[in-house]
Structure formats: C-alpha cells, structure tokens
Amino acid sequence: MANIKLFDPMTMDSNTLPNVAGNYVFLLRKGSHLPKVDIEPQIPEVTLDGNTYQAIYTGIASKSLRKRDYRNHFVGNNASRSTLRKSIL
C-alpha cells in the first residue's frame, strides 16, 4: 500500500503521474455519484488516508500510467474509445 498515490486531474498536472507500468483505480470524489440506473450496482469502497471512496474502474498500464490513464482515457486521440468513458457515459 505504500506505493498508492492519489492523482486529482482537476488540481494536478499529468506530469505528476509516473511514466511506469502499474495498476490504477478510478475513484469518485466525496459527494459525487454516478447517474441512477434501474439496477443499482454494488460499488466497492477503498479507504485511503482515512477517507473512503467508491472505486468505479480499475485497469493495468503495461507501459506507462501517465499515457494509459490520462492521455488514453481523457485527452488523447483514443479518448473516445476509452472503456472508462464508455462505461460512465
């Protein structure tokens, strides 16, 4: 657990993400929620630094967390094909 680091795309620069392989988890901000659906899914919770978050997506970056997480899911040419974006839209 010592290698877990939180990244907030609203307040942090993408260059703070490590340019290495690794696992990642997308968490909902406190007070945020996903749109209501007919069948409510069971969303796992993660506690970090005394705060509990809902984990909405996990993935593996085989080469670069920076490229995989930030560029592919949000700002890159492939963002429209992102499984994360398709899952929550």
N, C-alpha and C. Protein backbone atom coordinates (compact mmCIF):
# COMPACT_ATOMS: atom_id res chain seq x y z
N MET A 1 0.81 -1.19 0.00
CA MET A 1 0.00 0.00 0.00
C MET A 1 0.86 1.26 0.00
N ALA A 2 2.14 1.14 0.25
CA ALA A 2 3.00 2.32 0.32
C ALA A 2 3.15 3.01 -1.04
N ASN A 3 2.92 2.27 -2.13
CA ASN A 3 3.08 2.85 -3.46
C ASN A 3 1.81 3.47 -4.00
N ILE A 4 0.73 3.49 -3.22
CA ILE A 4 -0.52 4.09 -3.69
C ILE A 4 -0.42 5.61 -3.58
N LYS A 5 -0.74 6.27 -4.69
CA LYS A 5 -0.71 7.73 -4.73
C LYS A 5 -2.00 8.21 -5.37
N LEU A 6 -2.60 9.24 -4.79
CA LEU A 6 -3.80 9.83 -5.37
C LEU A 6 -3.41 10.88 -6.39
N PHE A 7 -4.13 10.90 -7.50
CA PHE A 7 -3.94 11.91 -8.53
C PHE A 7 -5.29 12.57 -8.78
N ASP A 8 -5.34 13.89 -8.67
CA ASP A 8 -6.56 14.65 -8.92
C ASP A 8 -6.37 15.46 -10.20
N PRO A 9 -7.03 15.07 -11.30
CA PRO A 9 -6.82 15.77 -12.57
C PRO A 9 -7.30 17.22 -12.57
N MET A 10 -8.10 17.59 -11.57
CA MET A 10 -8.57 18.98 -11.51
C MET A 10 -7.55 19.90 -10.86
N THR A 11 -6.65 19.33 -10.06
CA THR A 11 -5.70 20.18 -9.36
C THR A 11 -4.24 19.83 -9.61
N MET A 12 -4.00 18.70 -10.29
CA MET A 12 -2.63 18.25 -10.51
C MET A 12 -2.32 18.16 -12.00
N ASP A 13 -1.08 18.34 -12.35
CA ASP A 13 -0.61 18.23 -13.73
C ASP A 13 -0.36 16.77 -14.06
N SER A 14 -0.65 16.36 -15.30
CA SER A 14 -0.47 14.96 -15.70
C SER A 14 0.98 14.50 -15.57
N ASN A 15 1.93 15.43 -15.58
CA ASN A 15 3.33 15.04 -15.43
C ASN A 15 3.65 14.50 -14.05
N THR A 16 2.74 14.65 -13.08
CA THR A 16 2.97 14.07 -11.76
C THR A 16 2.67 12.58 -11.75
N LEU A 17 1.96 12.09 -12.79
CA LEU A 17 1.73 10.65 -12.90
C LEU A 17 3.04 9.97 -13.31
N PRO A 18 3.35 8.83 -12.70
CA PRO A 18 4.59 8.16 -13.07
C PRO A 18 4.54 7.61 -14.49
N ASN A 19 5.65 7.66 -15.17
CA ASN A 19 5.76 7.15 -16.53
C ASN A 19 6.29 5.71 -16.47
N VAL A 20 5.59 4.87 -15.69
CA VAL A 20 5.98 3.47 -15.49
C VAL A 20 4.73 2.59 -15.57
N ALA A 21 4.95 1.30 -15.70
CA ALA A 21 3.85 0.33 -15.69
C ALA A 21 3.24 0.25 -14.29
N GLY A 22 1.96 -0.14 -14.23
CA GLY A 22 1.34 -0.31 -12.92
C GLY A 22 -0.17 -0.48 -13.02
N ASN A 23 -0.79 -0.67 -11.88
CA ASN A 23 -2.25 -0.79 -11.77
C ASN A 23 -2.82 0.57 -11.38
N TYR A 24 -4.07 0.81 -11.77
CA TYR A 24 -4.70 2.06 -11.39
C TYR A 24 -6.17 1.82 -11.05
N VAL A 25 -6.73 2.71 -10.23
CA VAL A 25 -8.12 2.65 -9.82
C VAL A 25 -8.69 4.06 -9.93
N PHE A 26 -9.85 4.19 -10.57
CA PHE A 26 -10.54 5.47 -10.61
C PHE A 26 -11.54 5.50 -9.46
N LEU A 27 -11.48 6.57 -8.67
CA LEU A 27 -12.33 6.73 -7.50
C LEU A 27 -13.24 7.93 -7.69
N LEU A 28 -14.44 7.86 -7.14
CA LEU A 28 -15.33 9.01 -7.15
C LEU A 28 -14.92 9.98 -6.05
N ARG A 29 -15.02 11.26 -6.32
CA ARG A 29 -14.78 12.28 -5.30
C ARG A 29 -15.84 12.16 -4.21
N LYS A 30 -15.53 12.63 -3.02
CA LYS A 30 -16.50 12.69 -1.94
C LYS A 30 -17.69 13.53 -2.40
N GLY A 31 -18.89 13.06 -2.16
CA GLY A 31 -20.09 13.79 -2.53
C GLY A 31 -20.52 13.58 -3.97
N SER A 32 -19.71 12.87 -4.78
CA SER A 32 -20.06 12.61 -6.18
C SER A 32 -20.79 11.27 -6.28
N HIS A 33 -21.54 11.11 -7.34
CA HIS A 33 -22.23 9.85 -7.57
C HIS A 33 -22.43 9.64 -9.06
N LEU A 34 -22.60 8.39 -9.43
CA LEU A 34 -22.90 8.05 -10.81
C LEU A 34 -24.39 8.21 -11.04
N PRO A 35 -24.83 8.39 -12.28
CA PRO A 35 -26.26 8.50 -12.56
C PRO A 35 -27.01 7.26 -12.08
N LYS A 36 -28.25 7.45 -11.64
CA LYS A 36 -29.08 6.34 -11.19
C LYS A 36 -29.47 5.46 -12.38
N VAL A 37 -29.49 4.17 -12.14
CA VAL A 37 -29.90 3.20 -13.15
C VAL A 37 -30.94 2.27 -12.53
N ASP A 38 -31.63 1.49 -13.37
CA ASP A 38 -32.69 0.60 -12.86
C ASP A 38 -32.17 -0.40 -11.84
N ILE A 39 -31.02 -0.98 -12.11
CA ILE A 39 -30.42 -1.95 -11.19
C ILE A 39 -29.16 -1.31 -10.62
N GLU A 40 -29.19 -0.98 -9.35
CA GLU A 40 -28.04 -0.33 -8.71
C GLU A 40 -26.91 -1.34 -8.51
N PRO A 41 -25.73 -1.07 -9.06
CA PRO A 41 -24.60 -1.98 -8.87
C PRO A 41 -24.01 -1.84 -7.47
N GLN A 42 -23.36 -2.88 -7.01
CA GLN A 42 -22.61 -2.82 -5.77
C GLN A 42 -21.25 -2.24 -6.10
N ILE A 43 -20.95 -1.06 -5.57
CA ILE A 43 -19.69 -0.40 -5.88
C ILE A 43 -18.74 -0.59 -4.70
N PRO A 44 -17.57 -1.20 -4.94
CA PRO A 44 -16.62 -1.41 -3.85
C PRO A 44 -16.07 -0.09 -3.33
N GLU A 45 -15.69 -0.10 -2.07
CA GLU A 45 -15.13 1.10 -1.46
C GLU A 45 -13.66 0.88 -1.12
N VAL A 46 -12.90 1.97 -1.19
CA VAL A 46 -11.47 1.96 -0.89
C VAL A 46 -11.22 3.06 0.14
N THR A 47 -10.48 2.75 1.20
CA THR A 47 -10.15 3.75 2.20
C THR A 47 -8.67 4.10 2.09
N LEU A 48 -8.38 5.39 1.87
CA LEU A 48 -7.02 5.89 1.77
C LEU A 48 -6.90 7.13 2.64
N ASP A 49 -5.87 7.19 3.44
CA ASP A 49 -5.63 8.35 4.30
C ASP A 49 -6.85 8.72 5.13
N GLY A 50 -7.60 7.72 5.58
CA GLY A 50 -8.77 7.97 6.41
C GLY A 50 -10.02 8.37 5.66
N ASN A 51 -9.96 8.48 4.35
CA ASN A 51 -11.12 8.84 3.53
C ASN A 51 -11.58 7.62 2.75
N THR A 52 -12.89 7.43 2.66
CA THR A 52 -13.45 6.30 1.92
C THR A 52 -14.01 6.80 0.60
N TYR A 53 -13.64 6.11 -0.48
CA TYR A 53 -14.06 6.46 -1.84
C TYR A 53 -14.72 5.25 -2.48
N GLN A 54 -15.56 5.50 -3.48
CA GLN A 54 -16.12 4.42 -4.27
C GLN A 54 -15.21 4.18 -5.47
N ALA A 55 -14.83 2.93 -5.69
CA ALA A 55 -13.97 2.56 -6.81
C ALA A 55 -14.85 2.21 -8.00
N ILE A 56 -14.72 2.99 -9.09
CA ILE A 56 -15.62 2.78 -10.23
C ILE A 56 -14.94 2.12 -11.43
N TYR A 57 -13.62 2.01 -11.43
CA TYR A 57 -12.93 1.43 -12.58
C TYR A 57 -11.52 1.06 -12.18
N THR A 58 -11.05 -0.08 -12.65
CA THR A 58 -9.65 -0.46 -12.43
C THR A 58 -9.03 -0.85 -13.76
N GLY A 59 -7.74 -0.76 -13.84
CA GLY A 59 -7.05 -1.13 -15.06
C GLY A 59 -5.58 -1.38 -14.83
N ILE A 60 -4.92 -1.82 -15.88
CA ILE A 60 -3.49 -2.11 -15.85
C ILE A 60 -2.84 -1.34 -16.99
N ALA A 61 -1.77 -0.65 -16.66
CA ALA A 61 -0.96 0.03 -17.68
C ALA A 61 0.32 -0.79 -17.84
N SER A 62 0.48 -1.43 -18.97
CA SER A 62 1.65 -2.30 -19.16
C SER A 62 2.92 -1.52 -19.44
N LYS A 63 2.79 -0.24 -19.86
CA LYS A 63 3.98 0.56 -20.16
C LYS A 63 4.05 1.85 -19.36
N SER A 64 2.97 2.63 -19.35
CA SER A 64 3.03 3.95 -18.72
C SER A 64 1.70 4.35 -18.10
N LEU A 65 1.68 4.56 -16.78
CA LEU A 65 0.47 5.06 -16.12
C LEU A 65 0.07 6.42 -16.68
N ARG A 66 1.05 7.25 -16.94
CA ARG A 66 0.76 8.59 -17.46
C ARG A 66 0.03 8.50 -18.80
N LYS A 67 0.57 7.72 -19.71
CA LYS A 67 -0.04 7.62 -21.03
C LYS A 67 -1.38 6.89 -20.95
N ARG A 68 -1.42 5.78 -20.26
CA ARG A 68 -2.63 4.96 -20.20
C ARG A 68 -3.77 5.69 -19.49
N ASP A 69 -3.51 6.18 -18.30
CA ASP A 69 -4.57 6.80 -17.50
C ASP A 69 -5.03 8.13 -18.09
N TYR A 70 -4.12 9.03 -18.17
CA TYR A 70 -4.50 10.40 -18.50
C TYR A 70 -4.74 10.60 -19.99
N ARG A 71 -3.78 10.26 -20.79
CA ARG A 71 -3.88 10.55 -22.22
C ARG A 71 -4.90 9.68 -22.94
N ASN A 72 -4.88 8.37 -22.67
CA ASN A 72 -5.81 7.49 -23.39
C ASN A 72 -7.26 7.66 -22.93
N HIS A 73 -7.46 7.88 -21.63
CA HIS A 73 -8.83 7.97 -21.13
C HIS A 73 -9.44 9.36 -21.26
N PHE A 74 -8.63 10.40 -21.30
CA PHE A 74 -9.20 11.74 -21.21
C PHE A 74 -8.84 12.70 -22.32
N VAL A 75 -7.59 12.79 -22.73
CA VAL A 75 -7.23 13.86 -23.67
C VAL A 75 -6.61 13.40 -24.98
N GLY A 76 -6.31 12.16 -25.13
CA GLY A 76 -5.63 11.71 -26.34
C GLY A 76 -6.57 11.44 -27.50
N ASN A 77 -5.98 11.09 -28.62
CA ASN A 77 -6.77 10.77 -29.81
C ASN A 77 -7.65 9.55 -29.60
N ASN A 78 -7.25 8.66 -28.68
CA ASN A 78 -8.02 7.45 -28.43
C ASN A 78 -9.05 7.61 -27.32
N ALA A 79 -9.19 8.80 -26.75
CA ALA A 79 -10.09 9.00 -25.60
C ALA A 79 -11.52 8.58 -25.91
N SER A 80 -11.96 8.76 -27.14
CA SER A 80 -13.34 8.40 -27.49
C SER A 80 -13.56 6.89 -27.44
N ARG A 81 -12.48 6.11 -27.50
CA ARG A 81 -12.59 4.65 -27.43
C ARG A 81 -12.34 4.12 -26.01
N SER A 82 -12.13 4.99 -25.06
CA SER A 82 -11.82 4.61 -23.69
C SER A 82 -12.94 3.78 -23.07
N THR A 83 -12.62 2.61 -22.54
CA THR A 83 -13.59 1.78 -21.86
C THR A 83 -14.17 2.49 -20.65
N LEU A 84 -13.34 3.24 -19.94
CA LEU A 84 -13.82 4.00 -18.79
C LEU A 84 -14.88 5.00 -19.22
N ARG A 85 -14.58 5.79 -20.22
CA ARG A 85 -15.54 6.82 -20.67
C ARG A 85 -16.83 6.18 -21.18
N LYS A 86 -16.73 5.08 -21.91
CA LYS A 86 -17.94 4.39 -22.38
C LYS A 86 -18.75 3.83 -21.23
N SER A 87 -18.07 3.41 -20.16
CA SER A 87 -18.75 2.81 -19.02
C SER A 87 -19.55 3.81 -18.21
N ILE A 88 -19.07 5.05 -18.12
CA ILE A 88 -19.74 6.01 -17.25
C ILE A 88 -20.61 7.02 -17.99
N LEU A 89 -20.58 7.00 -19.30
CA LEU A 89 -21.40 7.96 -20.07
C LEU A 89 -22.74 7.37 -20.43
